[in-house]
Amino acid sequence: MTKLAVGLQEAQEMTGISHFTLRRMVRLRKIKAARVGRRILIPVSELENLVKPGAAHETGEKGKRRAATLARGGKNA
């Protein structure tokens, strides 16, 4: 039987995305998740959509760090 959802630790292992980033994406509702008690469960289908080609553009994550750095007048401006 395949899992429908996984916790943050397993999601991190499956995708290579840090649990801090996954937690932030859940908080900002970039990916769907469910809370069961204190645990955050992310559907496997959401993780598959997240890592498919072009998904960074769809979630709006690509380029945010550079835009924030440029807005602050930081390095590489």
N, C-alpha and C. Protein backbone atom coordinates (compact mmCIF):
# COMPACT_ATOMS: atom_id res chain seq x y z
N MET A 1 0.84 -1.19 0.00
CA MET A 1 0.00 0.00 0.00
C MET A 1 0.88 1.25 0.00
N THR A 2 0.57 2.18 -0.85
CA THR A 2 1.35 3.41 -0.93
C THR A 2 0.82 4.43 0.08
N LYS A 3 1.72 5.26 0.55
CA LYS A 3 1.35 6.31 1.50
C LYS A 3 0.65 7.45 0.76
N LEU A 4 -0.36 8.00 1.39
CA LEU A 4 -1.06 9.15 0.83
C LEU A 4 -0.39 10.45 1.24
N ALA A 5 0.20 10.46 2.45
CA ALA A 5 0.84 11.68 2.97
C ALA A 5 2.04 11.27 3.82
N VAL A 6 2.98 12.20 3.95
CA VAL A 6 4.19 11.96 4.74
C VAL A 6 4.45 13.16 5.64
N GLY A 7 5.21 12.93 6.70
CA GLY A 7 5.62 14.00 7.59
C GLY A 7 6.74 14.83 6.98
N LEU A 8 7.11 15.89 7.68
CA LEU A 8 8.13 16.80 7.16
C LEU A 8 9.48 16.11 6.95
N GLN A 9 9.87 15.24 7.89
CA GLN A 9 11.17 14.57 7.77
C GLN A 9 11.22 13.70 6.52
N GLU A 10 10.17 12.92 6.31
CA GLU A 10 10.14 12.05 5.12
C GLU A 10 10.00 12.86 3.84
N ALA A 11 9.24 13.96 3.89
CA ALA A 11 9.11 14.84 2.73
C ALA A 11 10.47 15.43 2.37
N GLN A 12 11.25 15.78 3.38
CA GLN A 12 12.60 16.31 3.14
C GLN A 12 13.47 15.27 2.46
N GLU A 13 13.40 14.03 2.92
CA GLU A 13 14.20 12.97 2.33
C GLU A 13 13.77 12.67 0.90
N MET A 14 12.48 12.76 0.64
CA MET A 14 11.96 12.46 -0.70
C MET A 14 12.33 13.54 -1.72
N THR A 15 12.33 14.80 -1.31
CA THR A 15 12.51 15.90 -2.25
C THR A 15 13.87 16.56 -2.21
N GLY A 16 14.56 16.46 -1.08
CA GLY A 16 15.82 17.17 -0.93
C GLY A 16 15.62 18.62 -0.52
N ILE A 17 14.39 18.99 -0.19
CA ILE A 17 14.06 20.35 0.25
C ILE A 17 14.07 20.34 1.78
N SER A 18 14.71 21.32 2.40
CA SER A 18 14.82 21.33 3.85
C SER A 18 13.45 21.40 4.51
N HIS A 19 13.38 20.86 5.73
CA HIS A 19 12.09 20.89 6.42
C HIS A 19 11.68 22.31 6.77
N PHE A 20 12.65 23.22 6.93
CA PHE A 20 12.33 24.63 7.19
C PHE A 20 11.61 25.24 5.98
N THR A 21 12.12 24.95 4.79
CA THR A 21 11.49 25.45 3.57
C THR A 21 10.12 24.83 3.38
N LEU A 22 10.01 23.53 3.61
CA LEU A 22 8.71 22.87 3.50
C LEU A 22 7.70 23.47 4.47
N ARG A 23 8.14 23.70 5.71
CA ARG A 23 7.26 24.29 6.72
C ARG A 23 6.80 25.69 6.29
N ARG A 24 7.74 26.47 5.72
CA ARG A 24 7.40 27.82 5.25
C ARG A 24 6.40 27.75 4.10
N MET A 25 6.60 26.81 3.20
CA MET A 25 5.68 26.68 2.07
C MET A 25 4.28 26.26 2.53
N VAL A 26 4.21 25.44 3.56
CA VAL A 26 2.92 25.06 4.13
C VAL A 26 2.26 26.29 4.76
N ARG A 27 3.05 27.03 5.54
CA ARG A 27 2.52 28.23 6.22
C ARG A 27 2.01 29.26 5.22
N LEU A 28 2.72 29.44 4.12
CA LEU A 28 2.32 30.41 3.09
C LEU A 28 1.30 29.82 2.10
N ARG A 29 0.92 28.57 2.35
CA ARG A 29 -0.07 27.86 1.52
C ARG A 29 0.38 27.70 0.07
N LYS A 30 1.67 27.52 -0.12
CA LYS A 30 2.22 27.21 -1.44
C LYS A 30 2.02 25.74 -1.77
N ILE A 31 1.96 24.92 -0.71
CA ILE A 31 1.62 23.51 -0.86
C ILE A 31 0.56 23.16 0.18
N LYS A 32 -0.29 22.21 -0.17
CA LYS A 32 -1.35 21.78 0.73
C LYS A 32 -0.78 20.84 1.78
N ALA A 33 -1.34 20.91 2.98
CA ALA A 33 -0.92 20.03 4.07
C ALA A 33 -2.06 19.90 5.05
N ALA A 34 -1.96 18.91 5.91
CA ALA A 34 -2.95 18.70 6.95
C ALA A 34 -2.23 18.57 8.29
N ARG A 35 -2.86 19.06 9.32
CA ARG A 35 -2.32 18.90 10.66
C ARG A 35 -3.08 17.77 11.35
N VAL A 36 -2.33 16.86 11.92
CA VAL A 36 -2.90 15.80 12.73
C VAL A 36 -2.21 15.92 14.08
N GLY A 37 -2.94 16.52 15.02
CA GLY A 37 -2.32 16.85 16.30
C GLY A 37 -1.28 17.94 16.06
N ARG A 38 -0.05 17.70 16.45
CA ARG A 38 1.03 18.66 16.23
C ARG A 38 1.81 18.35 14.95
N ARG A 39 1.47 17.25 14.31
CA ARG A 39 2.21 16.80 13.14
C ARG A 39 1.65 17.40 11.86
N ILE A 40 2.55 17.77 10.95
CA ILE A 40 2.16 18.27 9.64
C ILE A 40 2.36 17.14 8.64
N LEU A 41 1.29 16.84 7.90
CA LEU A 41 1.36 15.81 6.87
C LEU A 41 1.14 16.45 5.50
N ILE A 42 2.02 16.12 4.58
CA ILE A 42 1.96 16.67 3.23
C ILE A 42 1.60 15.54 2.27
N PRO A 43 0.55 15.71 1.47
CA PRO A 43 0.21 14.66 0.49
C PRO A 43 1.37 14.41 -0.48
N VAL A 44 1.60 13.15 -0.78
CA VAL A 44 2.67 12.77 -1.70
C VAL A 44 2.44 13.43 -3.06
N SER A 45 1.18 13.57 -3.48
CA SER A 45 0.88 14.20 -4.77
C SER A 45 1.37 15.66 -4.79
N GLU A 46 1.29 16.35 -3.66
CA GLU A 46 1.80 17.73 -3.58
C GLU A 46 3.31 17.75 -3.77
N LEU A 47 4.00 16.80 -3.17
CA LEU A 47 5.46 16.73 -3.31
C LEU A 47 5.85 16.41 -4.74
N GLU A 48 5.10 15.53 -5.38
CA GLU A 48 5.38 15.20 -6.78
C GLU A 48 5.20 16.43 -7.66
N ASN A 49 4.15 17.20 -7.42
CA ASN A 49 3.92 18.42 -8.20
C ASN A 49 4.99 19.46 -7.92
N LEU A 50 5.49 19.48 -6.69
CA LEU A 50 6.50 20.45 -6.30
C LEU A 50 7.82 20.25 -7.03
N VAL A 51 8.20 19.01 -7.22
CA VAL A 51 9.52 18.74 -7.81
C VAL A 51 9.48 18.47 -9.31
N LYS A 52 8.30 18.49 -9.91
CA LYS A 52 8.25 18.29 -11.36
C LYS A 52 8.86 19.50 -12.07
N PRO A 53 9.35 19.34 -13.27
CA PRO A 53 9.94 20.47 -14.01
C PRO A 53 8.96 21.63 -14.13
N GLY A 54 9.45 22.82 -13.84
CA GLY A 54 8.62 24.02 -13.96
C GLY A 54 7.84 24.34 -12.71
N ALA A 55 7.91 23.51 -11.67
CA ALA A 55 7.11 23.74 -10.47
C ALA A 55 7.57 24.97 -9.70
N ALA A 56 8.85 25.30 -9.72
CA ALA A 56 9.33 26.47 -9.00
C ALA A 56 8.65 27.73 -9.52
N HIS A 57 8.45 27.77 -10.82
CA HIS A 57 7.78 28.92 -11.42
C HIS A 57 6.31 28.97 -10.98
N GLU A 58 5.66 27.82 -10.93
CA GLU A 58 4.25 27.75 -10.57
C GLU A 58 4.01 28.17 -9.13
N THR A 59 4.92 27.84 -8.21
CA THR A 59 4.73 28.19 -6.81
C THR A 59 5.20 29.59 -6.49
N GLY A 60 5.91 30.22 -7.44
CA GLY A 60 6.37 31.59 -7.22
C GLY A 60 7.63 31.68 -6.38
N GLU A 61 8.28 30.56 -6.11
CA GLU A 61 9.48 30.58 -5.27
C GLU A 61 10.72 31.05 -6.03
N LYS A 62 10.78 30.76 -7.33
CA LYS A 62 11.98 31.07 -8.11
C LYS A 62 12.19 32.58 -8.18
N GLY A 63 13.37 33.02 -7.81
CA GLY A 63 13.72 34.43 -7.94
C GLY A 63 13.33 35.30 -6.77
N LYS A 64 12.62 34.77 -5.77
CA LYS A 64 12.22 35.61 -4.64
C LYS A 64 13.42 36.11 -3.85
N ARG A 65 14.41 35.24 -3.64
CA ARG A 65 15.56 35.64 -2.86
C ARG A 65 16.32 36.76 -3.58
N ARG A 66 16.52 36.60 -4.89
CA ARG A 66 17.22 37.63 -5.66
C ARG A 66 16.44 38.94 -5.65
N ALA A 67 15.13 38.89 -5.82
CA ALA A 67 14.31 40.10 -5.81
C ALA A 67 14.40 40.79 -4.47
N ALA A 68 14.40 40.02 -3.38
CA ALA A 68 14.49 40.61 -2.05
C ALA A 68 15.86 41.26 -1.85
N THR A 69 16.91 40.59 -2.34
CA THR A 69 18.27 41.14 -2.22
C THR A 69 18.39 42.44 -3.02
N LEU A 70 17.85 42.46 -4.22
CA LEU A 70 17.91 43.66 -5.05
C LEU A 70 17.10 44.79 -4.42
N ALA A 71 15.96 44.47 -3.83
CA ALA A 71 15.12 45.49 -3.21
C ALA A 71 15.84 46.14 -2.03
N ARG A 72 16.68 45.37 -1.35
CA ARG A 72 17.43 45.91 -0.20
C ARG A 72 18.71 46.61 -0.66
N GLY A 73 19.00 46.57 -1.94
CA GLY A 73 20.23 47.18 -2.44
C GLY A 73 21.45 46.36 -2.11
N GLY A 74 21.23 45.05 -1.97
CA GLY A 74 22.30 44.14 -1.58
C GLY A 74 23.27 43.84 -2.71
N LYS A 75 24.08 42.82 -2.45
CA LYS A 75 25.08 42.37 -3.41
C LYS A 75 24.44 41.96 -4.72
N ASN A 76 25.13 42.09 -5.80
CA ASN A 76 24.68 41.76 -7.15
C ASN A 76 23.57 42.67 -7.64
N ALA A 77 23.46 43.83 -7.06
CA ALA A 77 22.38 44.75 -7.47
C ALA A 77 22.70 45.42 -8.78
